[in-house]
Amino acid sequence: SFERRYAAICEEQGIAPRSWGLGSFGRPFYDLYTLPGV
């Protein structure tokens, strides 16, 4: 599942990253920052 997949990968590799390191820029982020409700 979405909630479990990355956890299972990290468990096998024996890693526990402090932060996300696979990118954090693009249109989805712009759209999040500019949500009307926010």
PDB file of all heavy atoms in Angstrom:
ATOM      1  N   SER A   1       0.828  -1.206   0.000  1.00  0.00           N
ATOM      2  CA  SER A   1       0.000   0.000   0.000  1.00  0.00           C
ATOM      3  C   SER A   1       0.864   1.259   0.000  1.00  0.00           C
ATOM      4  O   SER A   1       2.075   1.211   0.252  1.00  0.00           O
ATOM      5  CB  SER A   1      -0.910   0.013   1.226  1.00  0.00           C
ATOM      6  OG  SER A   1      -0.134   0.157   2.406  1.00  0.00           O
ATOM      7  N   PHE A   2       0.244   2.382  -0.258  1.00  0.00           N
ATOM      8  CA  PHE A   2       0.930   3.669  -0.218  1.00  0.00           C
ATOM      9  C   PHE A   2       1.591   3.885   1.141  1.00  0.00           C
ATOM     10  O   PHE A   2       2.735   4.335   1.225  1.00  0.00           O
ATOM     11  CB  PHE A   2      -0.075   4.791  -0.491  1.00  0.00           C
ATOM     12  CG  PHE A   2       0.487   6.178  -0.340  1.00  0.00           C
ATOM     13  CD1 PHE A   2       1.495   6.635  -1.179  1.00  0.00           C
ATOM     14  CD2 PHE A   2       0.009   7.033   0.640  1.00  0.00           C
ATOM     15  CE1 PHE A   2       2.011   7.926  -1.046  1.00  0.00           C
ATOM     16  CE2 PHE A   2       0.515   8.324   0.783  1.00  0.00           C
ATOM     17  CZ  PHE A   2       1.528   8.761  -0.067  1.00  0.00           C
ATOM     18  N   GLU A   3       0.900   3.553   2.216  1.00  0.00           N
ATOM     19  CA  GLU A   3       1.439   3.762   3.563  1.00  0.00           C
ATOM     20  C   GLU A   3       2.569   2.798   3.901  1.00  0.00           C
ATOM     21  O   GLU A   3       3.456   3.135   4.686  1.00  0.00           O
ATOM     22  CB  GLU A   3       0.342   3.624   4.613  1.00  0.00           C
ATOM     23  CG  GLU A   3      -0.736   4.692   4.567  1.00  0.00           C
ATOM     24  CD  GLU A   3      -1.908   4.317   3.696  1.00  0.00           C
ATOM     25  OE1 GLU A   3      -1.748   3.429   2.825  1.00  0.00           O
ATOM     26  OE2 GLU A   3      -2.981   4.894   3.864  1.00  0.00           O
ATOM     27  N   ARG A   4       2.547   1.600   3.293  1.00  0.00           N
ATOM     28  CA  ARG A   4       3.472   0.557   3.716  1.00  0.00           C
ATOM     29  C   ARG A   4       4.708   0.409   2.816  1.00  0.00           C
ATOM     30  O   ARG A   4       5.773   0.027   3.285  1.00  0.00           O
ATOM     31  CB  ARG A   4       2.707  -0.775   3.779  1.00  0.00           C
ATOM     32  CG  ARG A   4       3.530  -2.004   4.125  1.00  0.00           C
ATOM     33  CD  ARG A   4       4.163  -1.936   5.495  1.00  0.00           C
ATOM     34  NE  ARG A   4       5.127  -3.026   5.678  1.00  0.00           N
ATOM     35  CZ  ARG A   4       6.132  -3.009   6.527  1.00  0.00           C
ATOM     36  NH1 ARG A   4       6.314  -1.972   7.319  1.00  0.00           N
ATOM     37  NH2 ARG A   4       6.960  -4.028   6.615  1.00  0.00           N
ATOM     38  N   ARG A   5       4.605   0.768   1.543  1.00  0.00           N
ATOM     39  CA  ARG A   5       5.653   0.407   0.586  1.00  0.00           C
ATOM     40  C   ARG A   5       7.021   0.970   0.948  1.00  0.00           C
ATOM     41  O   ARG A   5       8.009   0.232   1.009  1.00  0.00           O
ATOM     42  CB  ARG A   5       5.258   0.870  -0.819  1.00  0.00           C
ATOM     43  CG  ARG A   5       6.243   0.375  -1.887  1.00  0.00           C
ATOM     44  CD  ARG A   5       5.866   0.821  -3.277  1.00  0.00           C
ATOM     45  NE  ARG A   5       6.747   0.226  -4.269  1.00  0.00           N
ATOM     46  CZ  ARG A   5       6.726   0.529  -5.569  1.00  0.00           C
ATOM     47  NH1 ARG A   5       5.857   1.436  -6.028  1.00  0.00           N
ATOM     48  NH2 ARG A   5       7.583  -0.049  -6.398  1.00  0.00           N
ATOM     49  N   TYR A   6       7.118   2.270   1.190  1.00  0.00           N
ATOM     50  CA  TYR A   6       8.421   2.873   1.489  1.00  0.00           C
ATOM     51  C   TYR A   6       8.975   2.336   2.804  1.00  0.00           C
ATOM     52  O   TYR A   6      10.195   2.137   2.940  1.00  0.00           O
ATOM     53  CB  TYR A   6       8.283   4.396   1.538  1.00  0.00           C
ATOM     54  CG  TYR A   6       9.594   5.133   1.622  1.00  0.00           C
ATOM     55  CD1 TYR A   6      10.545   5.024   0.613  1.00  0.00           C
ATOM     56  CD2 TYR A   6       9.889   5.952   2.711  1.00  0.00           C
ATOM     57  CE1 TYR A   6      11.750   5.714   0.681  1.00  0.00           C
ATOM     58  CE2 TYR A   6      11.089   6.650   2.785  1.00  0.00           C
ATOM     59  CZ  TYR A   6      12.015   6.515   1.773  1.00  0.00           C
ATOM     60  OH  TYR A   6      13.213   7.203   1.845  1.00  0.00           O
ATOM     61  N   ALA A   7       8.092   2.073   3.760  1.00  0.00           N
ATOM     62  CA  ALA A   7       8.533   1.504   5.035  1.00  0.00           C
ATOM     63  C   ALA A   7       9.154   0.124   4.823  1.00  0.00           C
ATOM     64  O   ALA A   7      10.193  -0.199   5.412  1.00  0.00           O
ATOM     65  CB  ALA A   7       7.359   1.418   6.005  1.00  0.00           C
ATOM     66  N   ALA A   8       8.534  -0.693   3.971  1.00  0.00           N
ATOM     67  CA  ALA A   8       9.062  -2.036   3.702  1.00  0.00           C
ATOM     68  C   ALA A   8      10.426  -1.962   3.011  1.00  0.00           C
ATOM     69  O   ALA A   8      11.336  -2.745   3.328  1.00  0.00           O
ATOM     70  CB  ALA A   8       8.072  -2.816   2.836  1.00  0.00           C
ATOM     71  N   ILE A   9      10.579  -1.023   2.091  1.00  0.00           N
ATOM     72  CA  ILE A   9      11.853  -0.847   1.396  1.00  0.00           C
ATOM     73  C   ILE A   9      12.951  -0.452   2.382  1.00  0.00           C
ATOM     74  O   ILE A   9      14.046  -1.033   2.387  1.00  0.00           O
ATOM     75  CB  ILE A   9      11.710   0.215   0.291  1.00  0.00           C
ATOM     76  CG1 ILE A   9      10.801  -0.298  -0.821  1.00  0.00           C
ATOM     77  CG2 ILE A   9      13.070   0.619  -0.264  1.00  0.00           C
ATOM     78  CD1 ILE A   9      10.367   0.776  -1.805  1.00  0.00           C
ATOM     79  N   CYS A  10      12.652   0.518   3.223  1.00  0.00           N
ATOM     80  CA  CYS A  10      13.652   0.983   4.195  1.00  0.00           C
ATOM     81  C   CYS A  10      13.992  -0.099   5.210  1.00  0.00           C
ATOM     82  O   CYS A  10      15.155  -0.216   5.637  1.00  0.00           O
ATOM     83  CB  CYS A  10      13.139   2.240   4.902  1.00  0.00           C
ATOM     84  SG  CYS A  10      13.061   3.703   3.842  1.00  0.00           S
ATOM     85  N   GLU A  11      13.010  -0.899   5.604  1.00  0.00           N
ATOM     86  CA  GLU A  11      13.269  -1.993   6.546  1.00  0.00           C
ATOM     87  C   GLU A  11      14.261  -2.989   5.950  1.00  0.00           C
ATOM     88  O   GLU A  11      15.212  -3.416   6.615  1.00  0.00           O
ATOM     89  CB  GLU A  11      11.962  -2.694   6.898  1.00  0.00           C
ATOM     90  CG  GLU A  11      11.112  -1.928   7.893  1.00  0.00           C
ATOM     91  CD  GLU A  11       9.769  -2.597   8.148  1.00  0.00           C
ATOM     92  OE1 GLU A  11       9.600  -3.770   7.725  1.00  0.00           O
ATOM     93  OE2 GLU A  11       8.902  -1.954   8.752  1.00  0.00           O
ATOM     94  N   GLU A  12      14.059  -3.377   4.684  1.00  0.00           N
ATOM     95  CA  GLU A  12      14.979  -4.336   4.078  1.00  0.00           C
ATOM     96  C   GLU A  12      16.382  -3.746   3.953  1.00  0.00           C
ATOM     97  O   GLU A  12      17.378  -4.435   4.182  1.00  0.00           O
ATOM     98  CB  GLU A  12      14.498  -4.767   2.690  1.00  0.00           C
ATOM     99  CG  GLU A  12      15.472  -5.771   2.067  1.00  0.00           C
ATOM    100  CD  GLU A  12      15.096  -6.211   0.665  1.00  0.00           C
ATOM    101  OE1 GLU A  12      13.895  -6.276   0.358  1.00  0.00           O
ATOM    102  OE2 GLU A  12      16.017  -6.508  -0.120  1.00  0.00           O
ATOM    103  N   GLN A  13      16.463  -2.460   3.617  1.00  0.00           N
ATOM    104  CA  GLN A  13      17.772  -1.847   3.421  1.00  0.00           C
ATOM    105  C   GLN A  13      18.418  -1.402   4.735  1.00  0.00           C
ATOM    106  O   GLN A  13      19.570  -0.979   4.738  1.00  0.00           O
ATOM    107  CB  GLN A  13      17.637  -0.657   2.471  1.00  0.00           C
ATOM    108  CG  GLN A  13      17.243  -1.065   1.049  1.00  0.00           C
ATOM    109  CD  GLN A  13      17.415   0.067   0.059  1.00  0.00           C
ATOM    110  OE1 GLN A  13      17.000   1.198   0.307  1.00  0.00           O
ATOM    111  NE2 GLN A  13      18.022  -0.233  -1.077  1.00  0.00           N
ATOM    112  N   GLY A  14      17.667  -1.488   5.825  1.00  0.00           N
ATOM    113  CA  GLY A  14      18.219  -1.113   7.125  1.00  0.00           C
ATOM    114  C   GLY A  14      18.504   0.370   7.248  1.00  0.00           C
ATOM    115  O   GLY A  14      19.464   0.778   7.906  1.00  0.00           O
ATOM    116  N   ILE A  15      17.663   1.177   6.607  1.00  0.00           N
ATOM    117  CA  ILE A  15      17.862   2.627   6.653  1.00  0.00           C
ATOM    118  C   ILE A  15      16.630   3.301   7.261  1.00  0.00           C
ATOM    119  O   ILE A  15      15.532   2.751   7.247  1.00  0.00           O
ATOM    120  CB  ILE A  15      18.134   3.221   5.261  1.00  0.00           C
ATOM    121  CG1 ILE A  15      16.954   2.951   4.311  1.00  0.00           C
ATOM    122  CG2 ILE A  15      19.440   2.668   4.684  1.00  0.00           C
ATOM    123  CD1 ILE A  15      17.090   3.621   2.951  1.00  0.00           C
ATOM    124  N   ALA A  16      16.838   4.494   7.817  1.00  0.00           N
ATOM    125  CA  ALA A  16      15.732   5.284   8.369  1.00  0.00           C
ATOM    126  C   ALA A  16      16.031   6.748   8.113  1.00  0.00           C
ATOM    127  O   ALA A  16      16.452   7.477   9.012  1.00  0.00           O
ATOM    128  CB  ALA A  16      15.545   5.009   9.861  1.00  0.00           C
ATOM    129  N   PRO A  17      15.856   7.203   6.871  1.00  0.00           N
ATOM    130  CA  PRO A  17      16.209   8.597   6.534  1.00  0.00           C
ATOM    131  C   PRO A  17      15.470   9.605   7.399  1.00  0.00           C
ATOM    132  O   PRO A  17      14.275   9.461   7.656  1.00  0.00           O
ATOM    133  CB  PRO A  17      15.784   8.717   5.063  1.00  0.00           C
ATOM    134  CG  PRO A  17      15.745   7.313   4.551  1.00  0.00           C
ATOM    135  CD  PRO A  17      15.317   6.475   5.713  1.00  0.00           C
ATOM    136  N   ARG A  18      16.197  10.633   7.825  1.00  0.00           N
ATOM    137  CA  ARG A  18      15.569  11.691   8.613  1.00  0.00           C
ATOM    138  C   ARG A  18      14.594  12.497   7.782  1.00  0.00           C
ATOM    139  O   ARG A  18      13.585  12.984   8.277  1.00  0.00           O
ATOM    140  CB  ARG A  18      16.658  12.606   9.188  1.00  0.00           C
ATOM    141  CG  ARG A  18      16.119  13.791   9.989  1.00  0.00           C
ATOM    142  CD  ARG A  18      17.258  14.657  10.498  1.00  0.00           C
ATOM    143  NE  ARG A  18      16.770  15.807  11.252  1.00  0.00           N
ATOM    144  CZ  ARG A  18      16.428  16.967  10.693  1.00  0.00           C
ATOM    145  NH1 ARG A  18      16.523  17.119   9.378  1.00  0.00           N
ATOM    146  NH2 ARG A  18      15.992  17.970  11.445  1.00  0.00           N
ATOM    147  N   SER A  19      14.928  12.664   6.504  1.00  0.00           N
ATOM    148  CA  SER A  19      14.090  13.488   5.643  1.00  0.00           C
ATOM    149  C   SER A  19      13.984  12.863   4.259  1.00  0.00           C
ATOM    150  O   SER A  19      14.780  11.997   3.873  1.00  0.00           O
ATOM    151  CB  SER A  19      14.649  14.909   5.551  1.00  0.00           C
ATOM    152  OG  SER A  19      15.977  14.885   5.068  1.00  0.00           O
ATOM    153  N   TRP A  20      13.019  13.296   3.519  1.00  0.00           N
ATOM    154  CA  TRP A  20      12.768  12.849   2.151  1.00  0.00           C
ATOM    155  C   TRP A  20      13.863  13.398   1.241  1.00  0.00           C
ATOM    156  O   TRP A  20      14.157  14.580   1.254  1.00  0.00           O
ATOM    157  CB  TRP A  20      11.407  13.370   1.721  1.00  0.00           C
ATOM    158  CG  TRP A  20      11.042  13.201   0.284  1.00  0.00           C
ATOM    159  CD1 TRP A  20      11.101  14.157  -0.693  1.00  0.00           C
ATOM    160  CD2 TRP A  20      10.514  12.022  -0.339  1.00  0.00           C
ATOM    161  NE1 TRP A  20      10.640  13.654  -1.881  1.00  0.00           N
ATOM    162  CE2 TRP A  20      10.274  12.342  -1.697  1.00  0.00           C
ATOM    163  CE3 TRP A  20      10.218  10.745   0.100  1.00  0.00           C
ATOM    164  CZ2 TRP A  20       9.749  11.419  -2.610  1.00  0.00           C
ATOM    165  CZ3 TRP A  20       9.701   9.826  -0.801  1.00  0.00           C
ATOM    166  CH2 TRP A  20       9.474  10.150  -2.127  1.00  0.00           C
ATOM    167  N   GLY A  21      14.458  12.538   0.435  1.00  0.00           N
ATOM    168  CA  GLY A  21      15.542  12.976  -0.417  1.00  0.00           C
ATOM    169  C   GLY A  21      15.336  12.667  -1.884  1.00  0.00           C
ATOM    170  O   GLY A  21      16.295  12.601  -2.653  1.00  0.00           O
ATOM    171  N   LEU A  22      14.072  12.500  -2.299  1.00  0.00           N
ATOM    172  CA  LEU A  22      13.794  12.094  -3.671  1.00  0.00           C
ATOM    173  C   LEU A  22      13.108  13.199  -4.478  1.00  0.00           C
ATOM    174  O   LEU A  22      12.350  12.925  -5.406  1.00  0.00           O
ATOM    175  CB  LEU A  22      12.935  10.816  -3.682  1.00  0.00           C
ATOM    176  CG  LEU A  22      13.539   9.608  -2.956  1.00  0.00           C
ATOM    177  CD1 LEU A  22      12.578   8.424  -2.999  1.00  0.00           C
ATOM    178  CD2 LEU A  22      14.878   9.216  -3.572  1.00  0.00           C
ATOM    179  N   GLY A  23      13.370  14.453  -4.108  1.00  0.00           N
ATOM    180  CA  GLY A  23      12.833  15.577  -4.874  1.00  0.00           C
ATOM    181  C   GLY A  23      11.617  16.215  -4.233  1.00  0.00           C
ATOM    182  O   GLY A  23      10.789  15.514  -3.636  1.00  0.00           O
ATOM    183  N   SER A  24      11.511  17.546  -4.356  1.00  0.00           N
ATOM    184  CA  SER A  24      10.356  18.244  -3.763  1.00  0.00           C
ATOM    185  C   SER A  24      10.083  19.554  -4.500  1.00  0.00           C
ATOM    186  O   SER A  24       9.928  20.597  -3.890  1.00  0.00           O
ATOM    187  CB  SER A  24      10.589  18.511  -2.277  1.00  0.00           C
ATOM    188  OG  SER A  24      11.768  19.277  -2.079  1.00  0.00           O
ATOM    189  N   PHE A  25      10.059  19.463  -5.836  1.00  0.00           N
ATOM    190  CA  PHE A  25       9.757  20.647  -6.634  1.00  0.00           C
ATOM    191  C   PHE A  25       8.950  20.220  -7.851  1.00  0.00           C
ATOM    192  O   PHE A  25       9.194  19.174  -8.433  1.00  0.00           O
ATOM    193  CB  PHE A  25      11.034  21.357  -7.079  1.00  0.00           C
ATOM    194  CG  PHE A  25      10.784  22.590  -7.915  1.00  0.00           C
ATOM    195  CD1 PHE A  25      10.289  23.744  -7.328  1.00  0.00           C
ATOM    196  CD2 PHE A  25      11.017  22.587  -9.277  1.00  0.00           C
ATOM    197  CE1 PHE A  25      10.042  24.881  -8.088  1.00  0.00           C
ATOM    198  CE2 PHE A  25      10.782  23.721 -10.045  1.00  0.00           C
ATOM    199  CZ  PHE A  25      10.284  24.871  -9.443  1.00  0.00           C
ATOM    200  N   GLY A  26       7.978  21.024  -8.231  1.00  0.00           N
ATOM    201  CA  GLY A  26       7.174  20.721  -9.409  1.00  0.00           C
ATOM    202  C   GLY A  26       5.792  21.319  -9.287  1.00  0.00           C
ATOM    203  O   GLY A  26       5.437  21.942  -8.275  1.00  0.00           O
ATOM    204  N   ARG A  27       4.984  21.140 -10.317  1.00  0.00           N
ATOM    205  CA  ARG A  27       3.653  21.727 -10.343  1.00  0.00           C
ATOM    206  C   ARG A  27       2.777  21.279  -9.171  1.00  0.00           C
ATOM    207  O   ARG A  27       2.021  22.104  -8.612  1.00  0.00           O
ATOM    208  CB  ARG A  27       2.975  21.378 -11.686  1.00  0.00           C
ATOM    209  CG  ARG A  27       1.574  21.981 -11.849  1.00  0.00           C
ATOM    210  CD  ARG A  27       1.630  23.505 -11.769  1.00  0.00           C
ATOM    211  NE  ARG A  27       0.328  24.133 -11.765  1.00  0.00           N
ATOM    212  CZ  ARG A  27      -0.262  24.657 -12.851  1.00  0.00           C
ATOM    213  NH1 ARG A  27       0.351  24.592 -14.024  1.00  0.00           N
ATOM    214  NH2 ARG A  27      -1.430  25.224 -12.757  1.00  0.00           N
ATOM    215  N   PRO A  28       2.829  19.998  -8.742  1.00  0.00           N
ATOM    216  CA  PRO A  28       1.997  19.601  -7.598  1.00  0.00           C
ATOM    217  C   PRO A  28       2.283  20.412  -6.335  1.00  0.00           C
ATOM    218  O   PRO A  28       1.372  20.686  -5.544  1.00  0.00           O
ATOM    219  CB  PRO A  28       2.329  18.117  -7.396  1.00  0.00           C
ATOM    220  CG  PRO A  28       2.811  17.652  -8.724  1.00  0.00           C
ATOM    221  CD  PRO A  28       3.544  18.824  -9.302  1.00  0.00           C
ATOM    222  N   PHE A  29       3.544  20.822  -6.150  1.00  0.00           N
ATOM    223  CA  PHE A  29       3.904  21.603  -4.967  1.00  0.00           C
ATOM    224  C   PHE A  29       3.380  23.033  -5.097  1.00  0.00           C
ATOM    225  O   PHE A  29       2.847  23.598  -4.138  1.00  0.00           O
ATOM    226  CB  PHE A  29       5.420  21.581  -4.760  1.00  0.00           C
ATOM    227  CG  PHE A  29       5.951  20.229  -4.403  1.00  0.00           C
ATOM    228  CD1 PHE A  29       6.333  19.328  -5.388  1.00  0.00           C
ATOM    229  CD2 PHE A  29       6.050  19.827  -3.076  1.00  0.00           C
ATOM    230  CE1 PHE A  29       6.800  18.069  -5.076  1.00  0.00           C
ATOM    231  CE2 PHE A  29       6.527  18.574  -2.747  1.00  0.00           C
ATOM    232  CZ  PHE A  29       6.898  17.689  -3.746  1.00  0.00           C
ATOM    233  N   TYR A  30       3.537  23.617  -6.261  1.00  0.00           N
ATOM    234  CA  TYR A  30       2.990  24.964  -6.498  1.00  0.00           C
ATOM    235  C   TYR A  30       1.487  24.971  -6.227  1.00  0.00           C
ATOM    236  O   TYR A  30       0.965  25.874  -5.564  1.00  0.00           O
ATOM    237  CB  TYR A  30       3.271  25.394  -7.933  1.00  0.00           C
ATOM    238  CG  TYR A  30       2.602  26.695  -8.327  1.00  0.00           C
ATOM    239  CD1 TYR A  30       3.255  27.915  -8.143  1.00  0.00           C
ATOM    240  CD2 TYR A  30       1.319  26.706  -8.879  1.00  0.00           C
ATOM    241  CE1 TYR A  30       2.637  29.116  -8.499  1.00  0.00           C
ATOM    242  CE2 TYR A  30       0.698  27.889  -9.231  1.00  0.00           C
ATOM    243  CZ  TYR A  30       1.356  29.094  -9.040  1.00  0.00           C
ATOM    244  OH  TYR A  30       0.737  30.275  -9.378  1.00  0.00           O
ATOM    245  N   ASP A  31       0.792  23.965  -6.741  1.00  0.00           N
ATOM    246  CA  ASP A  31      -0.661  23.901  -6.546  1.00  0.00           C
ATOM    247  C   ASP A  31      -1.021  23.746  -5.077  1.00  0.00           C
ATOM    248  O   ASP A  31      -2.044  24.283  -4.616  1.00  0.00           O
ATOM    249  CB  ASP A  31      -1.243  22.733  -7.347  1.00  0.00           C
ATOM    250  CG  ASP A  31      -1.180  22.963  -8.854  1.00  0.00           C
ATOM    251  OD1 ASP A  31      -1.018  24.126  -9.271  1.00  0.00           O
ATOM    252  OD2 ASP A  31      -1.275  21.970  -9.608  1.00  0.00           O
ATOM    253  N   LEU A  32      -0.185  23.037  -4.321  1.00  0.00           N
ATOM    254  CA  LEU A  32      -0.425  22.880  -2.887  1.00  0.00           C
ATOM    255  C   LEU A  32      -0.237  24.204  -2.155  1.00  0.00           C
ATOM    256  O   LEU A  32      -1.064  24.588  -1.318  1.00  0.00           O
ATOM    257  CB  LEU A  32       0.522  21.825  -2.318  1.00  0.00           C
ATOM    258  CG  LEU A  32       0.321  21.430  -0.857  1.00  0.00           C
ATOM    259  CD1 LEU A  32      -0.958  20.625  -0.686  1.00  0.00           C
ATOM    260  CD2 LEU A  32       1.514  20.644  -0.350  1.00  0.00           C
ATOM    261  N   TYR A  33       0.840  24.916  -2.458  1.00  0.00           N
ATOM    262  CA  TYR A  33       1.126  26.176  -1.778  1.00  0.00           C
ATOM    263  C   TYR A  33       0.055  27.241  -2.031  1.00  0.00           C
ATOM    264  O   TYR A  33      -0.096  28.171  -1.233  1.00  0.00           O
ATOM    265  CB  TYR A  33       2.472  26.755  -2.235  1.00  0.00           C
ATOM    266  CG  TYR A  33       3.650  25.832  -2.118  1.00  0.00           C
ATOM    267  CD1 TYR A  33       4.724  25.951  -3.003  1.00  0.00           C
ATOM    268  CD2 TYR A  33       3.718  24.843  -1.146  1.00  0.00           C
ATOM    269  CE1 TYR A  33       5.827  25.112  -2.913  1.00  0.00           C
ATOM    270  CE2 TYR A  33       4.805  23.993  -1.062  1.00  0.00           C
ATOM    271  CZ  TYR A  33       5.863  24.126  -1.942  1.00  0.00           C
ATOM    272  OH  TYR A  33       6.947  23.290  -1.857  1.00  0.00           O
ATOM    273  N   THR A  34      -0.656  27.105  -3.148  1.00  0.00           N
ATOM    274  CA  THR A  34      -1.629  28.128  -3.544  1.00  0.00           C
ATOM    275  C   THR A  34      -3.074  27.643  -3.437  1.00  0.00           C
ATOM    276  O   THR A  34      -3.959  28.227  -4.062  1.00  0.00           O
ATOM    277  CB  THR A  34      -1.346  28.597  -4.991  1.00  0.00           C
ATOM    278  OG1 THR A  34      -1.379  27.459  -5.879  1.00  0.00           O
ATOM    279  CG2 THR A  34       0.018  29.271  -5.090  1.00  0.00           C
ATOM    280  N   LEU A  35      -3.326  26.610  -2.654  1.00  0.00           N
ATOM    281  CA  LEU A  35      -4.696  26.119  -2.468  1.00  0.00           C
ATOM    282  C   LEU A  35      -5.585  27.234  -1.907  1.00  0.00           C
ATOM    283  O   LEU A  35      -5.212  27.901  -0.929  1.00  0.00           O
ATOM    284  CB  LEU A  35      -4.708  24.927  -1.503  1.00  0.00           C
ATOM    285  CG  LEU A  35      -4.224  23.591  -2.058  1.00  0.00           C
ATOM    286  CD1 LEU A  35      -4.147  22.556  -0.940  1.00  0.00           C
ATOM    287  CD2 LEU A  35      -5.151  23.094  -3.167  1.00  0.00           C
ATOM    288  N   PRO A  36      -6.753  27.441  -2.477  1.00  0.00           N
ATOM    289  CA  PRO A  36      -7.627  28.524  -2.021  1.00  0.00           C
ATOM    290  C   PRO A  36      -7.971  28.460  -0.538  1.00  0.00           C
ATOM    291  O   PRO A  36      -7.997  29.495   0.143  1.00  0.00           O
ATOM    292  CB  PRO A  36      -8.878  28.358  -2.900  1.00  0.00           C
ATOM    293  CG  PRO A  36      -8.378  27.679  -4.134  1.00  0.00           C
ATOM    294  CD  PRO A  36      -7.292  26.769  -3.671  1.00  0.00           C
ATOM    295  N   GLY A  37      -8.240  27.259  -0.019  1.00  0.00           N
ATOM    296  CA  GLY A  37      -8.583  27.140   1.393  1.00  0.00           C
ATOM    297  C   GLY A  37      -7.434  27.554   2.296  1.00  0.00           C
ATOM    298  O   GLY A  37      -7.641  28.215   3.322  1.00  0.00           O
ATOM    299  N   VAL A  38      -6.216  27.183   1.920  1.00  0.00           N
ATOM    300  CA  VAL A  38      -5.035  27.554   2.696  1.00  0.00           C
ATOM    301  C   VAL A  38      -4.805  29.064   2.632  1.00  0.00           C
ATOM    302  O   VAL A  38      -4.541  29.718   3.652  1.00  0.00           O
ATOM    303  CB  VAL A  38      -3.797  26.790   2.178  1.00  0.00           C
ATOM    304  CG1 VAL A  38      -2.519  27.335   2.806  1.00  0.00           C
ATOM    305  CG2 VAL A  38      -3.932  25.296   2.474  1.00  0.00           C
TER     306      VAL A  38
END
